[in-house]
C-alpha atoms as a PDB file:
ATOM      1  CA  MET A   1     -21.899   2.441  26.187  1.00  0.00           C
ATOM      2  CA  SER A   2     -19.548   5.157  27.396  1.00  0.00           C
ATOM      3  CA  SER A   3     -16.552   4.838  29.691  1.00  0.00           C
ATOM      4  CA  ASP A   4     -15.411   7.858  31.685  1.00  0.00           C
ATOM      5  CA  TYR A   5     -11.806   9.062  31.824  1.00  0.00           C
ATOM      6  CA  SER A   6     -12.729  11.533  34.570  1.00  0.00           C
ATOM      7  CA  ASP A   7     -15.573  12.232  36.968  1.00  0.00           C
ATOM      8  CA  GLY A   8     -17.870  12.632  33.963  1.00  0.00           C
ATOM      9  CA  ASN A   9     -19.017  16.129  34.825  1.00  0.00           C
ATOM     10  CA  PRO A  10     -19.942  18.033  31.648  1.00  0.00           C
ATOM     11  CA  ARG A  11     -17.276  20.583  30.719  1.00  0.00           C
ATOM     12  CA  GLY A  12     -18.583  21.740  27.370  1.00  0.00           C
ATOM     13  CA  GLN A  13     -20.336  20.619  24.229  1.00  0.00           C
ATOM     14  CA  VAL A  14     -18.832  19.513  20.948  1.00  0.00           C
ATOM     15  CA  GLY A  15     -20.319  19.598  17.470  1.00  0.00           C
ATOM     16  CA  ARG A  16     -24.070  19.998  17.622  1.00  0.00           C
ATOM     17  CA  GLY A  17     -24.311  19.178  21.292  1.00  0.00           C
ATOM     18  CA  GLU A  18     -23.906  15.408  21.483  1.00  0.00           C
ATOM     19  CA  GLY A  19     -21.394  13.885  23.845  1.00  0.00           C
ATOM     20  CA  ARG A  20     -19.800  15.128  27.010  1.00  0.00           C
ATOM     21  CA  VAL A  21     -16.225  16.152  27.450  1.00  0.00           C
ATOM     22  CA  GLY A  22     -14.740  13.804  30.013  1.00  0.00           C
ATOM     23  CA  GLN A  23     -16.095  10.625  28.506  1.00  0.00           C
ATOM     24  CA  VAL A  24     -15.447   8.233  25.656  1.00  0.00           C
ATOM     25  CA  LYS A  25     -18.488   8.075  23.416  1.00  0.00           C
ATOM     26  CA  GLU A  26     -19.049   5.068  21.183  1.00  0.00           C
ATOM     27  CA  VAL A  27     -20.285   5.946  17.695  1.00  0.00           C
ATOM     28  CA  THR A  28     -21.279   3.531  14.935  1.00  0.00           C
ATOM     29  CA  SER A  29     -23.630   5.639  12.821  1.00  0.00           C
ATOM     30  CA  LEU A  30     -22.537   7.838   9.930  1.00  0.00           C
ATOM     31  CA  ALA A  31     -25.579   9.985  10.706  1.00  0.00           C
ATOM     32  CA  ASN A  32     -24.212  10.996  14.112  1.00  0.00           C
ATOM     33  CA  PRO A  33     -24.123  14.843  14.220  1.00  0.00           C
ATOM     34  CA  ILE A  34     -20.570  14.970  15.596  1.00  0.00           C
ATOM     35  CA  ILE A  35     -19.327  12.650  12.860  1.00  0.00           C
ATOM     36  CA  LYS A  36     -21.098  14.778  10.262  1.00  0.00           C
ATOM     37  CA  ASP A  37     -19.307  17.860  11.601  1.00  0.00           C
ATOM     38  CA  ILE A  38     -15.934  16.100  11.483  1.00  0.00           C
ATOM     39  CA  ARG A  39     -16.551  14.773   7.968  1.00  0.00           C
ATOM     40  CA  ALA A  40     -17.388  18.317   6.879  1.00  0.00           C
ATOM     41  CA  LEU A  41     -13.822  19.377   7.758  1.00  0.00           C
ATOM     42  CA  THR A  42     -12.700  17.982   4.429  1.00  0.00           C
ATOM     43  CA  GLN A  43     -14.323  21.171   3.038  1.00  0.00           C
ATOM     44  CA  LYS A  44     -12.583  24.547   3.386  1.00  0.00           C
ATOM     45  CA  LYS A  45     -15.796  26.350   4.352  1.00  0.00           C
ATOM     46  CA  ALA A  46     -16.288  24.105   7.375  1.00  0.00           C
ATOM     47  CA  ARG A  47     -12.638  24.465   8.389  1.00  0.00           C
ATOM     48  CA  ASP A  48     -12.837  28.251   8.125  1.00  0.00           C
ATOM     49  CA  GLU A  49     -16.083  28.434  10.097  1.00  0.00           C
ATOM     50  CA  SER A  50     -14.911  26.126  12.893  1.00  0.00           C
ATOM     51  CA  GLY A  51     -11.224  27.069  12.910  1.00  0.00           C
ATOM     52  CA  THR A  52     -10.333  23.382  13.063  1.00  0.00           C
ATOM     53  CA  PHE A  53      -8.835  20.683  10.847  1.00  0.00           C
ATOM     54  CA  ILE A  54      -8.204  16.935  10.691  1.00  0.00           C
ATOM     55  CA  ALA A  55      -4.902  15.141  11.213  1.00  0.00           C
ATOM     56  CA  GLU A  56      -4.507  11.392  10.729  1.00  0.00           C
ATOM     57  CA  GLY A  57      -2.317   8.847  12.472  1.00  0.00           C
ATOM     58  CA  LEU A  58      -1.435   8.026  16.065  1.00  0.00           C
ATOM     59  CA  LYS A  59       2.154   9.287  15.943  1.00  0.00           C
ATOM     60  CA  LEU A  60       1.134  12.531  14.284  1.00  0.00           C
ATOM     61  CA  VAL A  61      -1.623  13.155  16.853  1.00  0.00           C
ATOM     62  CA  ILE A  62       0.724  12.411  19.757  1.00  0.00           C
ATOM     63  CA  ASP A  63       3.407  14.698  18.319  1.00  0.00           C
ATOM     64  CA  ALA A  64       0.873  17.514  17.849  1.00  0.00           C
ATOM     65  CA  VAL A  65      -0.333  17.280  21.443  1.00  0.00           C
ATOM     66  CA  GLU A  66       3.244  17.188  22.730  1.00  0.00           C
ATOM     67  CA  LEU A  67       4.008  20.329  20.682  1.00  0.00           C
ATOM     68  CA  GLY A  68       1.159  22.134  22.441  1.00  0.00           C
ATOM     69  CA  TRP A  69      -1.529  22.129  19.759  1.00  0.00           C
ATOM     70  CA  THR A  70      -5.115  22.192  21.020  1.00  0.00           C
ATOM     71  CA  ILE A  71      -6.979  18.968  20.311  1.00  0.00           C
ATOM     72  CA  ARG A  72     -10.756  19.285  20.182  1.00  0.00           C
ATOM     73  CA  THR A  73     -11.722  15.693  19.393  1.00  0.00           C
ATOM     74  CA  LEU A  74      -9.889  12.370  19.260  1.00  0.00           C
ATOM     75  CA  VAL A  75     -11.413   9.650  17.084  1.00  0.00           C
ATOM     76  CA  TYR A  76     -10.127   6.083  17.156  1.00  0.00           C
ATOM     77  CA  ALA A  77     -11.296   2.812  15.619  1.00  0.00           C
ATOM     78  CA  LYS A  78     -12.461   0.018  17.886  1.00  0.00           C
ATOM     79  CA  ALA A  79      -9.541  -2.105  16.675  1.00  0.00           C
ATOM     80  CA  ALA A  80      -7.172   0.345  18.379  1.00  0.00           C
ATOM     81  CA  LYS A  81      -8.925   0.130  21.748  1.00  0.00           C
ATOM     82  CA  GLY A  82      -6.784  -1.149  24.581  1.00  0.00           C
ATOM     83  CA  LYS A  83      -3.457  -0.235  23.026  1.00  0.00           C
ATOM     84  CA  LYS A  84      -1.481   1.745  25.558  1.00  0.00           C
ATOM     85  CA  PRO A  85      -0.470   4.661  23.266  1.00  0.00           C
ATOM     86  CA  VAL A  86      -4.118   5.078  22.217  1.00  0.00           C
ATOM     87  CA  ASP A  87      -5.370   4.911  25.803  1.00  0.00           C
ATOM     88  CA  ASP A  88      -2.702   7.421  26.848  1.00  0.00           C
ATOM     89  CA  ILE A  89      -3.568   9.970  24.150  1.00  0.00           C
ATOM     90  CA  ALA A  90      -7.271   9.515  24.911  1.00  0.00           C
ATOM     91  CA  ALA A  91      -6.644  10.318  28.564  1.00  0.00           C
ATOM     92  CA  ARG A  92      -4.545  13.348  27.602  1.00  0.00           C
ATOM     93  CA  THR A  93      -7.266  14.563  25.244  1.00  0.00           C
ATOM     94  CA  VAL A  94      -9.843  14.418  28.025  1.00  0.00           C
ATOM     95  CA  ALA A  95      -7.447  16.125  30.437  1.00  0.00           C
ATOM     96  CA  ARG A  96      -7.110  18.989  27.950  1.00  0.00           C
ATOM     97  CA  GLY A  97     -10.854  19.419  27.602  1.00  0.00           C
ATOM     98  CA  GLY A  98     -11.381  17.401  24.429  1.00  0.00           C
ATOM     99  CA  LEU A  99     -13.887  14.755  23.422  1.00  0.00           C
ATOM    100  CA  VAL A 100     -12.965  11.141  22.624  1.00  0.00           C
ATOM    101  CA  LEU A 101     -14.949   9.042  20.163  1.00  0.00           C
ATOM    102  CA  GLU A 102     -14.626   5.284  19.695  1.00  0.00           C
ATOM    103  CA  VAL A 103     -15.962   4.467  16.231  1.00  0.00           C
ATOM    104  CA  SER A 104     -16.380   1.648  13.760  1.00  0.00           C
ATOM    105  CA  GLU A 105     -13.858   1.256  10.947  1.00  0.00           C
ATOM    106  CA  LYS A 106     -16.611   2.226   8.502  1.00  0.00           C
ATOM    107  CA  VAL A 107     -17.025   5.552  10.279  1.00  0.00           C
ATOM    108  CA  ILE A 108     -13.312   6.359  10.421  1.00  0.00           C
ATOM    109  CA  ALA A 109     -12.912   5.401   6.756  1.00  0.00           C
ATOM    110  CA  THR A 110     -15.668   7.870   5.884  1.00  0.00           C
ATOM    111  CA  VAL A 111     -14.089  10.612   8.001  1.00  0.00           C
ATOM    112  CA  THR A 112     -10.722  10.267   6.264  1.00  0.00           C
ATOM    113  CA  ARG A 113     -12.103   9.289   2.834  1.00  0.00           C
ATOM    114  CA  ARG A 114      -9.713   6.354   2.661  1.00  0.00           C
ATOM    115  CA  ASP A 115     -10.338   2.651   2.079  1.00  0.00           C
ATOM    116  CA  ASN A 116      -7.495   1.757   4.464  1.00  0.00           C
ATOM    117  CA  PRO A 117      -7.660   4.576   6.998  1.00  0.00           C
ATOM    118  CA  GLN A 118      -5.416   5.344   9.914  1.00  0.00           C
ATOM    119  CA  MET A 119      -6.873   4.023  13.168  1.00  0.00           C
ATOM    120  CA  VAL A 120      -6.578   7.377  14.948  1.00  0.00           C
ATOM    121  CA  VAL A 121      -7.705  10.847  13.848  1.00  0.00           C
ATOM    122  CA  GLY A 122      -7.448  14.141  15.708  1.00  0.00           C
ATOM    123  CA  VAL A 123      -9.418  17.356  15.238  1.00  0.00           C
ATOM    124  CA  PHE A 124      -7.175  20.315  16.090  1.00  0.00           C
ATOM    125  CA  GLU A 125      -7.543  24.062  16.277  1.00  0.00           C
ATOM    126  CA  GLN A 126      -5.894  25.899  13.392  1.00  0.00           C
ATOM    127  CA  ARG A 127      -2.946  28.108  14.205  1.00  0.00           C
ATOM    128  CA  TYR A 128      -1.847  31.043  12.035  1.00  0.00           C
ATOM    129  CA  GLY A 129       0.651  33.783  12.815  1.00  0.00           C
ATOM    130  CA  THR A 130       0.921  37.283  11.402  1.00  0.00           C
ATOM    131  CA  LEU A 131       4.056  39.061  10.235  1.00  0.00           C
ATOM    132  CA  ARG A 132       3.978  41.115  13.443  1.00  0.00           C
ATOM    133  CA  ASP A 133       4.824  37.883  15.244  1.00  0.00           C
ATOM    134  CA  ILE A 134       8.099  37.436  13.318  1.00  0.00           C
ATOM    135  CA  LYS A 135      11.212  38.996  14.821  1.00  0.00           C
ATOM    136  CA  PRO A 136      13.984  37.596  12.608  1.00  0.00           C
ATOM    137  CA  ARG A 137      17.220  36.680  14.340  1.00  0.00           C
ATOM    138  CA  ALA A 138      20.683  35.831  13.070  1.00  0.00           C
ATOM    139  CA  ASN A 139      20.911  32.525  11.188  1.00  0.00           C
ATOM    140  CA  GLU A 140      17.143  32.259  10.795  1.00  0.00           C
ATOM    141  CA  THR A 141      15.601  31.382   7.451  1.00  0.00           C
ATOM    142  CA  TYR A 142      12.001  31.779   6.318  1.00  0.00           C
ATOM    143  CA  VAL A 143      10.290  30.759   3.108  1.00  0.00           C
ATOM    144  CA  ALA A 144       7.631  32.999   1.536  1.00  0.00           C
ATOM    145  CA  LEU A 145       5.266  31.544  -1.056  1.00  0.00           C
ATOM    146  CA  ASP A 146       3.282  33.694  -3.446  1.00  0.00           C
ATOM    147  CA  ARG A 147      -0.158  32.220  -4.206  1.00  0.00           C
ATOM    148  CA  VAL A 148       0.897  28.575  -4.015  1.00  0.00           C
ATOM    149  CA  ARG A 149      -1.993  26.541  -5.445  1.00  0.00           C
ATOM    150  CA  ASP A 150      -1.231  22.856  -5.062  1.00  0.00           C
ATOM    151  CA  PRO A 151      -1.829  21.176  -1.657  1.00  0.00           C
ATOM    152  CA  GLY A 152       0.858  18.586  -2.350  1.00  0.00           C
ATOM    153  CA  ASN A 153       3.396  21.286  -3.132  1.00  0.00           C
ATOM    154  CA  LEU A 154       2.568  23.268  -0.007  1.00  0.00           C
ATOM    155  CA  GLY A 155       2.662  20.193   2.215  1.00  0.00           C
ATOM    156  CA  THR A 156       5.980  19.062   0.771  1.00  0.00           C
ATOM    157  CA  ILE A 157       7.445  22.551   1.207  1.00  0.00           C
ATOM    158  CA  ILE A 158       6.370  22.651   4.869  1.00  0.00           C
ATOM    159  CA  ARG A 159       7.929  19.222   5.416  1.00  0.00           C
ATOM    160  CA  THR A 160      11.124  20.288   3.628  1.00  0.00           C
ATOM    161  CA  ALA A 161      11.251  23.542   5.603  1.00  0.00           C
ATOM    162  CA  ASP A 162      11.050  21.516   8.804  1.00  0.00           C
ATOM    163  CA  ALA A 163      13.913  19.260   7.683  1.00  0.00           C
ATOM    164  CA  ALA A 164      16.073  22.253   6.765  1.00  0.00           C
ATOM    165  CA  GLY A 165      15.518  24.006  10.094  1.00  0.00           C
ATOM    166  CA  VAL A 166      13.451  26.851   8.650  1.00  0.00           C
ATOM    167  CA  SER A 167      11.773  29.130  11.209  1.00  0.00           C
ATOM    168  CA  GLY A 168       8.480  29.655   9.397  1.00  0.00           C
ATOM    169  CA  VAL A 169       6.455  29.576   6.185  1.00  0.00           C
ATOM    170  CA  ILE A 170       4.858  32.831   5.004  1.00  0.00           C
ATOM    171  CA  LEU A 171       1.842  32.499   2.708  1.00  0.00           C
ATOM    172  CA  ILE A 172       1.338  35.563   0.493  1.00  0.00           C
ATOM    173  CA  GLY A 173      -2.005  36.284  -1.131  1.00  0.00           C
ATOM    174  CA  GLU A 174      -4.662  33.684  -1.920  1.00  0.00           C
ATOM    175  CA  THR A 175      -2.991  30.329  -1.343  1.00  0.00           C
ATOM    176  CA  THR A 176      -4.144  26.774  -0.962  1.00  0.00           C
ATOM    177  CA  ASP A 177      -5.208  25.865   2.577  1.00  0.00           C
ATOM    178  CA  PRO A 178      -2.309  24.615   4.734  1.00  0.00           C
ATOM    179  CA  PHE A 179      -4.850  22.784   6.897  1.00  0.00           C
ATOM    180  CA  SER A 180      -6.606  20.852   4.146  1.00  0.00           C
ATOM    181  CA  LEU A 181      -6.538  17.080   4.503  1.00  0.00           C
ATOM    182  CA  GLU A 182      -4.275  16.772   1.451  1.00  0.00           C
ATOM    183  CA  THR A 183      -1.783  19.386   2.641  1.00  0.00           C
ATOM    184  CA  VAL A 184      -1.594  18.007   6.180  1.00  0.00           C
ATOM    185  CA  ARG A 185      -0.969  14.523   4.779  1.00  0.00           C
ATOM    186  CA  ALA A 186       1.846  15.831   2.588  1.00  0.00           C
ATOM    187  CA  THR A 187       3.532  17.558   5.539  1.00  0.00           C
ATOM    188  CA  MET A 188       3.896  14.193   7.335  1.00  0.00           C
ATOM    189  CA  GLY A 189       3.332  16.014  10.629  1.00  0.00           C
ATOM    190  CA  SER A 190       5.605  18.990   9.968  1.00  0.00           C
ATOM    191  CA  VAL A 191       2.579  21.304   9.900  1.00  0.00           C
ATOM    192  CA  PHE A 192       2.714  21.040  13.691  1.00  0.00           C
ATOM    193  CA  ALA A 193       6.418  21.905  13.871  1.00  0.00           C
ATOM    194  CA  VAL A 194       6.745  24.834  11.441  1.00  0.00           C
ATOM    195  CA  PRO A 195       4.850  28.085  12.124  1.00  0.00           C
ATOM    196  CA  VAL A 196       2.645  29.285   9.266  1.00  0.00           C
ATOM    197  CA  PHE A 197       2.006  32.989   8.679  1.00  0.00           C
ATOM    198  CA  ARG A 198      -0.438  34.774   6.371  1.00  0.00           C
ATOM    199  CA  ALA A 199       0.014  38.142   4.653  1.00  0.00           C
ATOM    200  CA  SER A 200      -1.100  40.184   1.679  1.00  0.00           C
ATOM    201  CA  VAL A 201       1.473  41.413  -0.830  1.00  0.00           C
ATOM    202  CA  ALA A 202       1.301  44.900   0.698  1.00  0.00           C
ATOM    203  CA  GLU A 203       1.766  43.544   4.215  1.00  0.00           C
ATOM    204  CA  PHE A 204       4.747  41.450   3.162  1.00  0.00           C
ATOM    205  CA  LEU A 205       6.468  44.354   1.411  1.00  0.00           C
ATOM    206  CA  ALA A 206       5.877  46.658   4.403  1.00  0.00           C
ATOM    207  CA  TRP A 207       7.269  44.025   6.793  1.00  0.00           C
ATOM    208  CA  GLN A 208      10.288  43.430   4.548  1.00  0.00           C
ATOM    209  CA  LYS A 209      11.299  47.098   4.805  1.00  0.00           C
ATOM    210  CA  GLN A 210      11.702  47.022   8.569  1.00  0.00           C
ATOM    211  CA  ALA A 211      12.450  43.361   9.355  1.00  0.00           C
ATOM    212  CA  GLY A 212      16.199  43.443   8.653  1.00  0.00           C
ATOM    213  CA  VAL A 213      16.028  40.422   6.355  1.00  0.00           C
ATOM    214  CA  MET A 214      17.591  39.589   3.002  1.00  0.00           C
ATOM    215  CA  VAL A 215      14.893  38.524   0.562  1.00  0.00           C
ATOM    216  CA  VAL A 216      16.150  36.140  -2.116  1.00  0.00           C
ATOM    217  CA  GLY A 217      13.591  35.589  -4.857  1.00  0.00           C
ATOM    218  CA  THR A 218      13.750  33.035  -7.651  1.00  0.00           C
ATOM    219  CA  HIS A 219      13.307  34.565 -11.079  1.00  0.00           C
ATOM    220  CA  LEU A 220      14.270  33.756 -14.654  1.00  0.00           C
ATOM    221  CA  ALA A 221      15.175  37.322 -15.613  1.00  0.00           C
ATOM    222  CA  GLY A 222      18.156  39.230 -14.247  1.00  0.00           C
ATOM    223  CA  ALA A 223      19.029  36.476 -11.811  1.00  0.00           C
ATOM    224  CA  VAL A 224      22.351  35.134 -10.521  1.00  0.00           C
ATOM    225  CA  ASP A 225      23.353  31.560  -9.797  1.00  0.00           C
ATOM    226  CA  TYR A 226      21.741  30.722  -6.442  1.00  0.00           C
ATOM    227  CA  ARG A 227      25.039  29.181  -5.263  1.00  0.00           C
ATOM    228  CA  THR A 228      26.952  32.467  -5.575  1.00  0.00           C
ATOM    229  CA  ILE A 229      24.830  34.361  -3.026  1.00  0.00           C
ATOM    230  CA  ASP A 230      26.165  34.925   0.495  1.00  0.00           C
ATOM    231  CA  TYR A 231      23.309  33.902   2.786  1.00  0.00           C
ATOM    232  CA  ARG A 232      25.196  34.559   6.021  1.00  0.00           C
ATOM    233  CA  PRO A 233      25.070  38.307   6.830  1.00  0.00           C
ATOM    234  CA  ARG A 234      21.347  38.635   7.637  1.00  0.00           C
ATOM    235  CA  PRO A 235      18.295  36.487   8.306  1.00  0.00           C
ATOM    236  CA  VAL A 236      17.071  35.169   4.951  1.00  0.00           C
ATOM    237  CA  VAL A 237      13.649  34.965   3.347  1.00  0.00           C
ATOM    238  CA  VAL A 238      13.547  32.668   0.327  1.00  0.00           C
ATOM    239  CA  LEU A 239      10.745  34.025  -1.861  1.00  0.00           C
ATOM    240  CA  MET A 240       9.118  31.626  -4.312  1.00  0.00           C
ATOM    241  CA  GLY A 241       6.535  32.342  -7.004  1.00  0.00           C
ATOM    242  CA  ASN A 242       3.322  30.677  -8.075  1.00  0.00           C
ATOM    243  CA  GLU A 243       3.475  27.292  -9.852  1.00  0.00           C
ATOM    244  CA  GLN A 244       2.219  28.675 -13.162  1.00  0.00           C
ATOM    245  CA  ALA A 245       3.161  32.354 -13.219  1.00  0.00           C
ATOM    246  CA  GLY A 246       6.330  32.439 -11.129  1.00  0.00           C
ATOM    247  CA  LEU A 247       7.240  35.477  -9.054  1.00  0.00           C
ATOM    248  CA  PRO A 248       5.240  38.602  -9.997  1.00  0.00           C
ATOM    249  CA  ASP A 249       7.105  41.785 -10.908  1.00  0.00           C
ATOM    250  CA  GLU A 250       5.696  43.547  -7.835  1.00  0.00           C
ATOM    251  CA  LEU A 251       7.539  41.160  -5.523  1.00  0.00           C
ATOM    252  CA  ALA A 252      10.568  40.525  -7.725  1.00  0.00           C
ATOM    253  CA  ALA A 253      11.346  44.240  -7.922  1.00  0.00           C
ATOM    254  CA  LYS A 254      11.618  44.472  -4.132  1.00  0.00           C
ATOM    255  CA  ALA A 255      13.797  41.398  -3.592  1.00  0.00           C
ATOM    256  CA  ASP A 256      17.349  42.027  -2.414  1.00  0.00           C
ATOM    257  CA  LYS A 257      18.644  39.268  -4.678  1.00  0.00           C
ATOM    258  CA  LEU A 258      17.144  37.369  -7.604  1.00  0.00           C
ATOM    259  CA  ALA A 259      18.399  33.818  -7.953  1.00  0.00           C
ATOM    260  CA  ARG A 260      18.192  31.130 -10.585  1.00  0.00           C
ATOM    261  CA  ILE A 261      18.871  27.409 -10.376  1.00  0.00           C
ATOM    262  CA  PRO A 262      21.015  26.232 -13.330  1.00  0.00           C
ATOM    263  CA  GLN A 263      19.457  23.396 -15.289  1.00  0.00           C
ATOM    264  CA  ALA A 264      20.497  20.931 -17.969  1.00  0.00           C
ATOM    265  CA  GLY A 265      18.345  18.625 -20.019  1.00  0.00           C
ATOM    266  CA  ARG A 266      15.062  19.244 -21.762  1.00  0.00           C
ATOM    267  CA  ALA A 267      12.879  20.115 -18.755  1.00  0.00           C
ATOM    268  CA  ASP A 268      12.099  23.807 -18.862  1.00  0.00           C
ATOM    269  CA  SER A 269      11.333  24.168 -15.151  1.00  0.00           C
ATOM    270  CA  LEU A 270      11.423  22.494 -11.770  1.00  0.00           C
ATOM    271  CA  ASN A 271       8.452  21.553  -9.624  1.00  0.00           C
ATOM    272  CA  LEU A 272       7.834  24.308  -7.054  1.00  0.00           C
ATOM    273  CA  ALA A 273       8.421  22.075  -4.049  1.00  0.00           C
ATOM    274  CA  ILE A 274      11.669  20.712  -5.505  1.00  0.00           C
ATOM    275  CA  ALA A 275      12.955  24.182  -6.386  1.00  0.00           C
ATOM    276  CA  THR A 276      12.073  25.458  -2.918  1.00  0.00           C
ATOM    277  CA  GLY A 277      13.929  22.568  -1.311  1.00  0.00           C
ATOM    278  CA  VAL A 278      17.032  23.259  -3.398  1.00  0.00           C
ATOM    279  CA  MET A 279      16.949  26.929  -2.396  1.00  0.00           C
ATOM    280  CA  LEU A 280      16.352  26.288   1.296  1.00  0.00           C
ATOM    281  CA  PHE A 281      19.153  23.785   1.716  1.00  0.00           C
ATOM    282  CA  GLU A 282      21.559  26.071  -0.095  1.00  0.00           C
ATOM    283  CA  ALA A 283      20.506  29.051   2.038  1.00  0.00           C
ATOM    284  CA  ARG A 284      21.128  26.994   5.177  1.00  0.00           C
ATOM    285  CA  ARG A 285      24.130  24.985   3.972  1.00  0.00           C
ATOM    286  CA  HIS A 286      26.525  26.870   6.253  1.00  0.00           C
ATOM    287  CA  LEU A 287      24.310  26.033   9.246  1.00  0.00           C
ATOM    288  CA  LEU A 288      23.612  22.336   8.664  1.00  0.00           C
ATOM    289  CA  THR A 289      25.804  19.425   9.702  1.00  0.00           C
ATOM    290  CA  LEU A 290      25.337  15.683   9.881  1.00  0.00           C
ATOM    291  CA  ASP A 291      25.542  15.974  13.659  1.00  0.00           C
ATOM    292  CA  ASP A 292      22.464  18.217  13.970  1.00  0.00           C
ATOM    293  CA  ARG A 293      20.174  15.344  14.948  1.00  0.00           C
ATOM    294  CA  GLY A 294      22.574  13.584  17.282  1.00  0.00           C
END
């Protein structure tokens, strides 16, 4: 049984053709073609082909829509039906041309691959920028990541960048997918607040030459204490290396400054996400106050 949020006129097809935009479709079968398509978004190939990804949780979905992200499909468990925030986001999804699915808890657990899933899931269009889109301004900070491999690290860095007031995350080379289920979970919604850009090494180095930024890379050799650098004169790009190999010579040689975080104890290195957080909050220390969030 379907209940319309609008006049019910078809305004497009979703998935393999089942369901009309403008209506709430009830789904209980794991074999439903639309559900199969959504479940496939846990795989990078399906995300790349469709240009979409999954985000879990009512608050996260609401925040994404309010930030202007395009929602293709809203999925909610029957147990959430009738709750005003769920009804409101369903109506907004339909108004924006999306499809709404009411499903069993078994279906939503399969979609999210969790035993205790969130009651609301959104399918959103991916959004990448290019370096041409970045026009650095005074007091702006960006973080550039060379071949980051771990989804948890990338998600945590995006979340940390959001907290520090960073203007964007630049992914250099072959990196883990910022729109994988694991990465999106780790961002805690910040993937919708922080722009993500993609670039090759050559593109990044060419952009660096003309962007008017100060690139501060982390490196073990020839580096200065990260606390002694003056981050104020120009927009800053904090450049971080791969989890295993660190910053390659090709990028390190072009950095304006090479920084190192002093350490004590027996640990020979910091986790990439932790090190990035330390660098970002130091780079923005002169800009952050306890009053920033009111």
